[in-house]
Amino acid sequence: MPVKIRLQRHGKKGKPYYWIVAADSRAKRDGKYLEKLGAYNPNTNPATIELDVDGAVTWLQNGAQPTDTAKAILSYKGAMLKNHLAGGVRKGALTEEQAEEKFNAWLEEKATKIEAKSEGLSKADADAKAKAHEAEKAVNEARIAAAAPVVEEEVAEEAEATTEDAKASSEEE
């Protein structure tokens, strides 16, 4: 039975949410699966991925073939690297401790990259909000400045009108 590691779509229209599953390649996309390995939510930035790395490695060692998208997700979370390191341990190229050390170093490096991206996104968001706030402030100040001279002109016109009325009434007397 050929097994594939693939995505199974859930969620509503326009808001996809995927399960990462090991399934028979002949099963429907959203049909029966052998094991759920994790979840993938592309709606967040950066995308949220929950994955049982050890379960995925077990399926990969047993011959499961990941689809292109699933392979990208497995690489992103380190399952493909862990499978590669396990192959090196089996061949005797390195020890279990060395493989675990390399994998943990890679995970730490990956975590710092992800943290830097999320910080960059939050900083960019804060900068955009600050610029929008400054632009709105400038528009409001311009609107107030435009409204203020009109009021003064009206007051000045009213004052002139009252002085003219006063002159006219004094001339009539």
N, C-alpha and C. Protein backbone atom coordinates (compact mmCIF):
# COMPACT_ATOMS: atom_id res chain seq x y z
N MET A 1 0.85 -1.18 0.00
CA MET A 1 0.00 0.00 0.00
C MET A 1 0.90 1.25 0.00
N PRO A 2 0.88 2.05 -1.07
CA PRO A 2 1.70 3.25 -1.10
C PRO A 2 1.12 4.32 -0.17
N VAL A 3 1.98 4.84 0.69
CA VAL A 3 1.54 5.84 1.68
C VAL A 3 2.12 7.19 1.30
N LYS A 4 1.31 8.23 1.42
CA LYS A 4 1.74 9.59 1.17
C LYS A 4 1.54 10.42 2.43
N ILE A 5 2.45 11.34 2.66
CA ILE A 5 2.25 12.36 3.69
C ILE A 5 1.75 13.57 2.94
N ARG A 6 0.54 14.00 3.25
CA ARG A 6 -0.08 15.07 2.49
C ARG A 6 -0.96 15.95 3.37
N LEU A 7 -1.52 16.97 2.76
CA LEU A 7 -2.39 17.89 3.48
C LEU A 7 -3.85 17.51 3.26
N GLN A 8 -4.62 17.65 4.31
CA GLN A 8 -6.05 17.39 4.24
C GLN A 8 -6.75 18.69 4.61
N ARG A 9 -7.53 19.26 3.69
CA ARG A 9 -8.11 20.58 3.88
C ARG A 9 -9.30 20.56 4.82
N HIS A 10 -9.30 21.54 5.72
CA HIS A 10 -10.43 21.79 6.61
C HIS A 10 -10.66 23.29 6.62
N GLY A 11 -11.56 23.78 7.42
CA GLY A 11 -11.83 25.22 7.49
C GLY A 11 -12.93 25.60 6.53
N LYS A 12 -13.24 26.89 6.51
CA LYS A 12 -14.32 27.35 5.65
C LYS A 12 -13.79 27.97 4.37
N LYS A 13 -14.69 28.40 3.53
CA LYS A 13 -14.33 28.96 2.24
C LYS A 13 -13.48 30.21 2.44
N GLY A 14 -12.33 30.25 1.79
CA GLY A 14 -11.46 31.40 1.89
C GLY A 14 -10.57 31.41 3.13
N LYS A 15 -10.79 30.50 4.07
CA LYS A 15 -9.99 30.41 5.30
C LYS A 15 -9.54 28.97 5.49
N PRO A 16 -8.60 28.51 4.68
CA PRO A 16 -8.20 27.10 4.77
C PRO A 16 -7.42 26.81 6.04
N TYR A 17 -7.56 25.59 6.50
CA TYR A 17 -6.81 25.07 7.63
C TYR A 17 -6.52 23.62 7.28
N TYR A 18 -5.29 23.20 7.38
CA TYR A 18 -4.92 21.87 6.90
C TYR A 18 -4.43 20.98 8.03
N TRP A 19 -4.75 19.69 7.90
CA TRP A 19 -4.15 18.66 8.73
C TRP A 19 -3.05 18.02 7.90
N ILE A 20 -1.95 17.71 8.54
CA ILE A 20 -0.87 16.98 7.88
C ILE A 20 -1.08 15.52 8.27
N VAL A 21 -1.34 14.67 7.28
CA VAL A 21 -1.69 13.28 7.56
C VAL A 21 -0.85 12.32 6.73
N ALA A 22 -0.74 11.10 7.24
CA ALA A 22 -0.20 9.99 6.47
C ALA A 22 -1.41 9.20 5.98
N ALA A 23 -1.56 9.09 4.67
CA ALA A 23 -2.75 8.45 4.10
C ALA A 23 -2.38 7.57 2.93
N ASP A 24 -3.24 6.60 2.67
CA ASP A 24 -3.10 5.77 1.47
C ASP A 24 -3.23 6.69 0.27
N SER A 25 -2.37 6.53 -0.71
CA SER A 25 -2.38 7.44 -1.85
C SER A 25 -3.66 7.32 -2.67
N ARG A 26 -4.39 6.21 -2.51
CA ARG A 26 -5.62 6.02 -3.27
C ARG A 26 -6.83 6.64 -2.59
N ALA A 27 -6.67 7.08 -1.34
CA ALA A 27 -7.79 7.68 -0.60
C ALA A 27 -8.05 9.09 -1.11
N LYS A 28 -9.29 9.58 -0.90
CA LYS A 28 -9.65 10.93 -1.30
C LYS A 28 -8.84 11.95 -0.51
N ARG A 29 -8.78 13.17 -1.04
CA ARG A 29 -7.99 14.22 -0.39
C ARG A 29 -8.42 14.44 1.05
N ASP A 30 -9.72 14.54 1.28
CA ASP A 30 -10.23 14.78 2.63
C ASP A 30 -10.83 13.52 3.24
N GLY A 31 -10.44 12.37 2.70
CA GLY A 31 -11.02 11.12 3.15
C GLY A 31 -10.25 10.46 4.28
N LYS A 32 -10.28 9.13 4.24
CA LYS A 32 -9.67 8.31 5.28
C LYS A 32 -8.15 8.50 5.33
N TYR A 33 -7.59 8.55 6.54
CA TYR A 33 -6.15 8.67 6.69
C TYR A 33 -5.67 7.67 7.74
N LEU A 34 -4.38 7.39 7.73
CA LEU A 34 -3.82 6.41 8.65
C LEU A 34 -3.43 7.05 9.98
N GLU A 35 -2.83 8.24 9.92
CA GLU A 35 -2.41 8.92 11.14
C GLU A 35 -2.33 10.42 10.90
N LYS A 36 -2.81 11.18 11.87
CA LYS A 36 -2.69 12.64 11.81
C LYS A 36 -1.34 13.02 12.43
N LEU A 37 -0.53 13.73 11.66
CA LEU A 37 0.81 14.10 12.12
C LEU A 37 0.89 15.53 12.62
N GLY A 38 -0.04 16.38 12.22
CA GLY A 38 0.02 17.77 12.67
C GLY A 38 -1.02 18.61 11.98
N ALA A 39 -0.84 19.94 12.11
CA ALA A 39 -1.77 20.90 11.52
C ALA A 39 -0.98 22.07 10.94
N TYR A 40 -1.58 22.72 9.94
CA TYR A 40 -0.94 23.84 9.25
C TYR A 40 -2.00 24.91 9.02
N ASN A 41 -1.75 26.13 9.54
CA ASN A 41 -2.68 27.24 9.37
C ASN A 41 -1.98 28.35 8.59
N PRO A 42 -2.27 28.48 7.29
CA PRO A 42 -1.61 29.52 6.48
C PRO A 42 -2.23 30.90 6.66
N ASN A 43 -3.28 31.04 7.46
CA ASN A 43 -3.96 32.32 7.62
C ASN A 43 -3.20 33.28 8.52
N THR A 44 -2.27 32.78 9.33
CA THR A 44 -1.51 33.64 10.22
C THR A 44 -0.19 34.03 9.56
N ASN A 45 0.45 35.07 10.07
CA ASN A 45 1.74 35.47 9.51
C ASN A 45 2.74 35.58 10.65
N PRO A 46 3.76 34.77 10.75
CA PRO A 46 4.09 33.64 9.90
C PRO A 46 3.12 32.49 10.11
N ALA A 47 3.02 31.61 9.15
CA ALA A 47 2.07 30.50 9.21
C ALA A 47 2.32 29.63 10.44
N THR A 48 1.24 29.16 11.05
CA THR A 48 1.33 28.31 12.24
C THR A 48 1.41 26.86 11.81
N ILE A 49 2.45 26.17 12.27
CA ILE A 49 2.63 24.76 11.94
C ILE A 49 2.86 23.98 13.22
N GLU A 50 2.02 23.00 13.46
CA GLU A 50 2.21 22.07 14.58
C GLU A 50 2.49 20.71 13.94
N LEU A 51 3.60 20.07 14.33
CA LEU A 51 3.97 18.83 13.68
C LEU A 51 4.62 17.88 14.68
N ASP A 52 4.20 16.62 14.63
CA ASP A 52 4.86 15.56 15.39
C ASP A 52 6.05 15.11 14.55
N VAL A 53 7.21 15.67 14.83
CA VAL A 53 8.40 15.42 14.02
C VAL A 53 8.80 13.95 14.07
N ASP A 54 8.76 13.35 15.27
CA ASP A 54 9.16 11.95 15.39
C ASP A 54 8.21 11.02 14.62
N GLY A 55 6.92 11.32 14.66
CA GLY A 55 5.96 10.52 13.90
C GLY A 55 6.18 10.65 12.40
N ALA A 56 6.49 11.87 11.94
CA ALA A 56 6.75 12.08 10.52
C ALA A 56 8.01 11.34 10.09
N VAL A 57 9.05 11.37 10.94
CA VAL A 57 10.29 10.67 10.62
C VAL A 57 10.04 9.17 10.53
N THR A 58 9.23 8.64 11.44
CA THR A 58 8.90 7.21 11.41
C THR A 58 8.24 6.85 10.09
N TRP A 59 7.28 7.66 9.64
CA TRP A 59 6.60 7.37 8.37
C TRP A 59 7.58 7.50 7.20
N LEU A 60 8.45 8.49 7.25
CA LEU A 60 9.44 8.66 6.16
C LEU A 60 10.38 7.45 6.09
N GLN A 61 10.80 6.94 7.27
CA GLN A 61 11.69 5.78 7.29
C GLN A 61 10.99 4.51 6.81
N ASN A 62 9.67 4.47 6.95
CA ASN A 62 8.91 3.31 6.48
C ASN A 62 8.52 3.44 5.01
N GLY A 63 8.95 4.51 4.35
CA GLY A 63 8.74 4.60 2.90
C GLY A 63 7.64 5.54 2.46
N ALA A 64 7.05 6.31 3.35
CA ALA A 64 6.00 7.26 2.95
C ALA A 64 6.62 8.37 2.12
N GLN A 65 5.93 8.76 1.06
CA GLN A 65 6.41 9.82 0.18
C GLN A 65 5.61 11.10 0.44
N PRO A 66 6.29 12.20 0.82
CA PRO A 66 5.55 13.45 1.03
C PRO A 66 5.24 14.14 -0.30
N THR A 67 4.10 14.81 -0.35
CA THR A 67 3.79 15.64 -1.51
C THR A 67 4.70 16.86 -1.48
N ASP A 68 4.69 17.65 -2.52
CA ASP A 68 5.59 18.81 -2.59
C ASP A 68 5.36 19.78 -1.43
N THR A 69 4.10 20.13 -1.18
CA THR A 69 3.80 21.07 -0.10
C THR A 69 4.12 20.47 1.25
N ALA A 70 3.78 19.21 1.43
CA ALA A 70 4.08 18.54 2.71
C ALA A 70 5.59 18.44 2.91
N LYS A 71 6.33 18.22 1.84
CA LYS A 71 7.79 18.14 1.95
C LYS A 71 8.37 19.48 2.39
N ALA A 72 7.82 20.56 1.85
CA ALA A 72 8.27 21.90 2.25
C ALA A 72 7.99 22.14 3.73
N ILE A 73 6.84 21.72 4.20
CA ILE A 73 6.48 21.89 5.61
C ILE A 73 7.37 21.02 6.49
N LEU A 74 7.60 19.77 6.08
CA LEU A 74 8.47 18.88 6.85
C LEU A 74 9.90 19.43 6.91
N SER A 75 10.37 20.01 5.82
CA SER A 75 11.70 20.63 5.82
C SER A 75 11.74 21.82 6.75
N TYR A 76 10.71 22.62 6.72
CA TYR A 76 10.63 23.82 7.56
C TYR A 76 10.68 23.47 9.04
N LYS A 77 10.03 22.38 9.42
CA LYS A 77 10.01 21.98 10.82
C LYS A 77 11.16 21.05 11.20
N GLY A 78 11.96 20.59 10.24
CA GLY A 78 13.14 19.80 10.54
C GLY A 78 12.96 18.30 10.48
N ALA A 79 11.82 17.81 10.03
CA ALA A 79 11.60 16.37 9.95
C ALA A 79 12.49 15.74 8.88
N MET A 80 12.68 16.43 7.78
CA MET A 80 13.53 15.89 6.71
C MET A 80 14.99 15.84 7.18
N LEU A 81 15.43 16.85 7.91
CA LEU A 81 16.80 16.85 8.45
C LEU A 81 16.99 15.73 9.46
N LYS A 82 16.00 15.55 10.32
CA LYS A 82 16.11 14.49 11.32
C LYS A 82 16.14 13.12 10.65
N ASN A 83 15.37 12.93 9.59
CA ASN A 83 15.39 11.69 8.84
C ASN A 83 16.77 11.47 8.20
N HIS A 84 17.33 12.54 7.66
CA HIS A 84 18.66 12.47 7.06
C HIS A 84 19.71 12.09 8.10
N LEU A 85 19.64 12.73 9.27
CA LEU A 85 20.60 12.43 10.34
C LEU A 85 20.43 10.99 10.85
N ALA A 86 19.18 10.52 10.91
CA ALA A 86 18.94 9.13 11.33
C ALA A 86 19.55 8.15 10.33
N GLY A 87 19.52 8.49 9.05
CA GLY A 87 20.17 7.65 8.04
C GLY A 87 21.67 7.61 8.24
N GLY A 88 22.25 8.74 8.63
CA GLY A 88 23.69 8.78 8.92
C GLY A 88 24.05 7.95 10.13
N VAL A 89 23.16 7.92 11.13
CA VAL A 89 23.40 7.10 12.32
C VAL A 89 23.34 5.62 11.94
N ARG A 90 22.36 5.25 11.11
CA ARG A 90 22.24 3.85 10.68
C ARG A 90 23.47 3.39 9.91
N LYS A 91 24.04 4.28 9.12
CA LYS A 91 25.22 3.93 8.33
C LYS A 91 26.51 4.00 9.14
N GLY A 92 26.45 4.60 10.32
CA GLY A 92 27.63 4.69 11.17
C GLY A 92 28.48 5.92 10.92
N ALA A 93 27.98 6.87 10.18
CA ALA A 93 28.74 8.09 9.89
C ALA A 93 28.85 9.00 11.11
N LEU A 94 27.83 8.95 11.99
CA LEU A 94 27.86 9.74 13.21
C LEU A 94 27.07 9.02 14.30
N THR A 95 27.25 9.46 15.53
CA THR A 95 26.56 8.80 16.65
C THR A 95 25.22 9.46 16.88
N GLU A 96 24.42 8.80 17.69
CA GLU A 96 23.09 9.33 18.04
C GLU A 96 23.21 10.69 18.73
N GLU A 97 24.20 10.85 19.61
CA GLU A 97 24.38 12.11 20.34
C GLU A 97 24.77 13.24 19.39
N GLN A 98 25.65 12.94 18.44
CA GLN A 98 26.05 13.95 17.47
C GLN A 98 24.87 14.39 16.61
N ALA A 99 24.07 13.42 16.19
CA ALA A 99 22.89 13.72 15.38
C ALA A 99 21.91 14.59 16.16
N GLU A 100 21.68 14.24 17.43
CA GLU A 100 20.76 15.02 18.27
C GLU A 100 21.31 16.43 18.49
N GLU A 101 22.61 16.56 18.66
CA GLU A 101 23.24 17.87 18.86
C GLU A 101 23.08 18.75 17.62
N LYS A 102 23.32 18.17 16.44
CA LYS A 102 23.16 18.91 15.19
C LYS A 102 21.71 19.35 15.00
N PHE A 103 20.78 18.45 15.31
CA PHE A 103 19.36 18.77 15.15
C PHE A 103 18.95 19.90 16.10
N ASN A 104 19.40 19.84 17.35
CA ASN A 104 19.04 20.89 18.32
C ASN A 104 19.65 22.23 17.93
N ALA A 105 20.88 22.23 17.42
CA ALA A 105 21.51 23.47 16.96
C ALA A 105 20.71 24.08 15.80
N TRP A 106 20.27 23.22 14.89
CA TRP A 106 19.47 23.69 13.76
C TRP A 106 18.14 24.27 14.25
N LEU A 107 17.51 23.61 15.23
CA LEU A 107 16.24 24.11 15.77
C LEU A 107 16.41 25.48 16.41
N GLU A 108 17.49 25.69 17.15
CA GLU A 108 17.73 26.99 17.79
C GLU A 108 17.93 28.08 16.74
N GLU A 109 18.69 27.77 15.70
CA GLU A 109 18.91 28.75 14.63
C GLU A 109 17.60 29.09 13.94
N LYS A 110 16.79 28.09 13.70
CA LYS A 110 15.50 28.30 13.03
C LYS A 110 14.58 29.16 13.91
N ALA A 111 14.59 28.90 15.21
CA ALA A 111 13.74 29.66 16.14
C ALA A 111 14.14 31.13 16.15
N THR A 112 15.43 31.42 16.08
CA THR A 112 15.86 32.82 16.06
C THR A 112 15.43 33.51 14.76
N LYS A 113 15.48 32.79 13.64
CA LYS A 113 15.03 33.37 12.37
C LYS A 113 13.54 33.69 12.42
N ILE A 114 12.76 32.76 12.96
CA ILE A 114 11.31 32.97 13.04
C ILE A 114 11.00 34.14 13.97
N GLU A 115 11.70 34.23 15.09
CA GLU A 115 11.49 35.32 16.04
C GLU A 115 11.84 36.66 15.40
N ALA A 116 12.93 36.70 14.63
CA ALA A 116 13.33 37.93 13.95
C ALA A 116 12.27 38.36 12.94
N LYS A 117 11.70 37.40 12.23
CA LYS A 117 10.66 37.74 11.26
C LYS A 117 9.44 38.30 11.95
N SER A 118 8.99 37.66 13.03
CA SER A 118 7.80 38.15 13.72
C SER A 118 8.04 39.52 14.35
N GLU A 119 9.27 39.76 14.86
CA GLU A 119 9.59 41.09 15.38
C GLU A 119 9.59 42.13 14.28
N GLY A 120 10.13 41.78 13.13
CA GLY A 120 10.13 42.68 11.99
C GLY A 120 8.72 43.03 11.53
N LEU A 121 7.85 42.03 11.53
CA LEU A 121 6.46 42.26 11.14
C LEU A 121 5.76 43.17 12.14
N SER A 122 5.98 42.93 13.44
CA SER A 122 5.33 43.77 14.44
C SER A 122 5.87 45.20 14.40
N LYS A 123 7.18 45.35 14.13
CA LYS A 123 7.76 46.69 14.01
C LYS A 123 7.20 47.41 12.80
N ALA A 124 7.09 46.71 11.68
CA ALA A 124 6.53 47.31 10.47
C ALA A 124 5.08 47.72 10.69
N ASP A 125 4.33 46.89 11.41
CA ASP A 125 2.94 47.20 11.72
C ASP A 125 2.85 48.44 12.60
N ALA A 126 3.73 48.53 13.60
CA ALA A 126 3.73 49.69 14.49
C ALA A 126 4.11 50.96 13.73
N ASP A 127 5.09 50.86 12.82
CA ASP A 127 5.49 52.01 12.01
C ASP A 127 4.35 52.47 11.12
N ALA A 128 3.65 51.53 10.52
CA ALA A 128 2.52 51.88 9.65
C ALA A 128 1.43 52.57 10.44
N LYS A 129 1.16 52.09 11.65
CA LYS A 129 0.14 52.72 12.49
C LYS A 129 0.58 54.13 12.89
N ALA A 130 1.85 54.31 13.21
CA ALA A 130 2.35 55.63 13.59
C ALA A 130 2.25 56.61 12.41
N LYS A 131 2.61 56.16 11.20
CA LYS A 131 2.50 57.02 10.02
C LYS A 131 1.05 57.40 9.75
N ALA A 132 0.15 56.43 9.89
CA ALA A 132 -1.27 56.71 9.68
C ALA A 132 -1.77 57.71 10.71
N HIS A 133 -1.32 57.57 11.94
CA HIS A 133 -1.73 58.49 13.01
C HIS A 133 -1.23 59.90 12.72
N GLU A 134 0.03 60.03 12.28
CA GLU A 134 0.59 61.34 11.95
C GLU A 134 -0.17 61.97 10.77
N ALA A 135 -0.48 61.16 9.77
CA ALA A 135 -1.22 61.68 8.61
C ALA A 135 -2.61 62.15 9.04
N GLU A 136 -3.25 61.38 9.89
CA GLU A 136 -4.58 61.76 10.37
C GLU A 136 -4.50 63.04 11.20
N LYS A 137 -3.44 63.17 12.01
CA LYS A 137 -3.24 64.38 12.81
C LYS A 137 -3.09 65.60 11.90
N ALA A 138 -2.29 65.44 10.84
CA ALA A 138 -2.06 66.55 9.90
C ALA A 138 -3.36 66.94 9.21
N VAL A 139 -4.16 65.98 8.83
CA VAL A 139 -5.44 66.27 8.18
C VAL A 139 -6.36 67.00 9.14
N ASN A 140 -6.41 66.54 10.39
CA ASN A 140 -7.26 67.19 11.38
C ASN A 140 -6.81 68.62 11.65
N GLU A 141 -5.50 68.83 11.76
CA GLU A 141 -4.99 70.19 11.99
C GLU A 141 -5.29 71.08 10.80
N ALA A 142 -5.16 70.56 9.59
CA ALA A 142 -5.48 71.35 8.40
C ALA A 142 -6.97 71.68 8.38
N ARG A 143 -7.80 70.75 8.77
CA ARG A 143 -9.24 70.99 8.80
C ARG A 143 -9.60 72.06 9.83
N ILE A 144 -8.94 72.00 11.00
CA ILE A 144 -9.19 73.00 12.04
C ILE A 144 -8.69 74.36 11.58
N ALA A 145 -7.51 74.39 10.94
CA ALA A 145 -6.95 75.65 10.46
C ALA A 145 -7.83 76.25 9.37
N ALA A 146 -8.39 75.43 8.53
CA ALA A 146 -9.26 75.92 7.47
C ALA A 146 -10.57 76.44 8.03
N ALA A 147 -11.04 75.85 9.10
CA ALA A 147 -12.31 76.27 9.69
C ALA A 147 -12.13 77.52 10.55
N ALA A 148 -11.00 77.73 11.16
CA ALA A 148 -10.79 78.86 12.07
C ALA A 148 -10.84 80.21 11.34
N PRO A 149 -10.16 80.46 10.21
CA PRO A 149 -10.23 81.76 9.55
C PRO A 149 -11.64 82.09 9.08
N VAL A 150 -12.40 81.12 8.72
CA VAL A 150 -13.78 81.36 8.29
C VAL A 150 -14.56 81.95 9.44
N VAL A 151 -14.37 81.44 10.61
CA VAL A 151 -15.09 81.94 11.78
C VAL A 151 -14.65 83.37 12.07
N GLU A 152 -13.36 83.67 11.99
CA GLU A 152 -12.87 85.02 12.24
C GLU A 152 -13.38 85.98 11.19
N GLU A 153 -13.43 85.56 9.93
CA GLU A 153 -13.95 86.42 8.87
C GLU A 153 -15.41 86.71 9.10
N GLU A 154 -16.16 85.69 9.52
CA GLU A 154 -17.58 85.90 9.79
C GLU A 154 -17.75 86.88 10.94
N VAL A 155 -16.92 86.75 11.98
CA VAL A 155 -17.00 87.67 13.11
C VAL A 155 -16.64 89.08 12.66
N ALA A 156 -15.60 89.19 11.81
CA ALA A 156 -15.21 90.50 11.30
C ALA A 156 -16.30 91.10 10.42
N GLU A 157 -16.94 90.30 9.58
CA GLU A 157 -18.03 90.78 8.74
C GLU A 157 -19.21 91.22 9.59
N GLU A 158 -19.51 90.45 10.64
CA GLU A 158 -20.61 90.83 11.54
C GLU A 158 -20.29 92.14 12.25
N ALA A 159 -19.02 92.30 12.66
CA ALA A 159 -18.62 93.53 13.34
C ALA A 159 -18.75 94.72 12.38
N GLU A 160 -18.33 94.55 11.11
CA GLU A 160 -18.46 95.62 10.14
C GLU A 160 -19.93 95.94 9.89
N ALA A 161 -20.74 94.90 9.83
CA ALA A 161 -22.17 95.10 9.60
C ALA A 161 -22.79 95.87 10.76
N THR A 162 -22.42 95.57 11.97
CA THR A 162 -22.99 96.28 13.13
C THR A 162 -22.50 97.72 13.17
N THR A 163 -21.24 97.96 12.80
CA THR A 163 -20.75 99.35 12.77
C THR A 163 -21.44 100.12 11.66
N GLU A 164 -21.69 99.49 10.51
CA GLU A 164 -22.40 100.16 9.43
C GLU A 164 -23.83 100.46 9.85
N ASP A 165 -24.46 99.48 10.56
CA ASP A 165 -25.82 99.71 11.06
C ASP A 165 -25.84 100.85 12.06
N ALA A 166 -24.80 100.89 12.90
CA ALA A 166 -24.71 101.95 13.91
C ALA A 166 -24.53 103.30 13.20
N LYS A 167 -23.70 103.38 12.17
CA LYS A 167 -23.49 104.62 11.43
C LYS A 167 -24.78 105.04 10.73
N ALA A 168 -25.46 104.09 10.14
CA ALA A 168 -26.69 104.40 9.42
C ALA A 168 -27.75 104.90 10.39
N SER A 169 -27.85 104.32 11.53
CA SER A 169 -28.86 104.76 12.50
C SER A 169 -28.48 106.11 13.10
N SER A 170 -27.19 106.40 13.25
CA SER A 170 -26.76 107.69 13.77
C SER A 170 -27.00 108.78 12.72
N GLU A 171 -26.86 108.45 11.43
CA GLU A 171 -27.10 109.41 10.37
C GLU A 171 -28.59 109.73 10.25
N GLU A 172 -29.41 108.74 10.54
CA GLU A 172 -30.86 108.95 10.45
C GLU A 172 -31.31 109.90 11.56
N GLU A 173 -30.65 109.90 12.67
CA GLU A 173 -31.08 110.74 13.77
C GLU A 173 -30.71 112.12 13.48
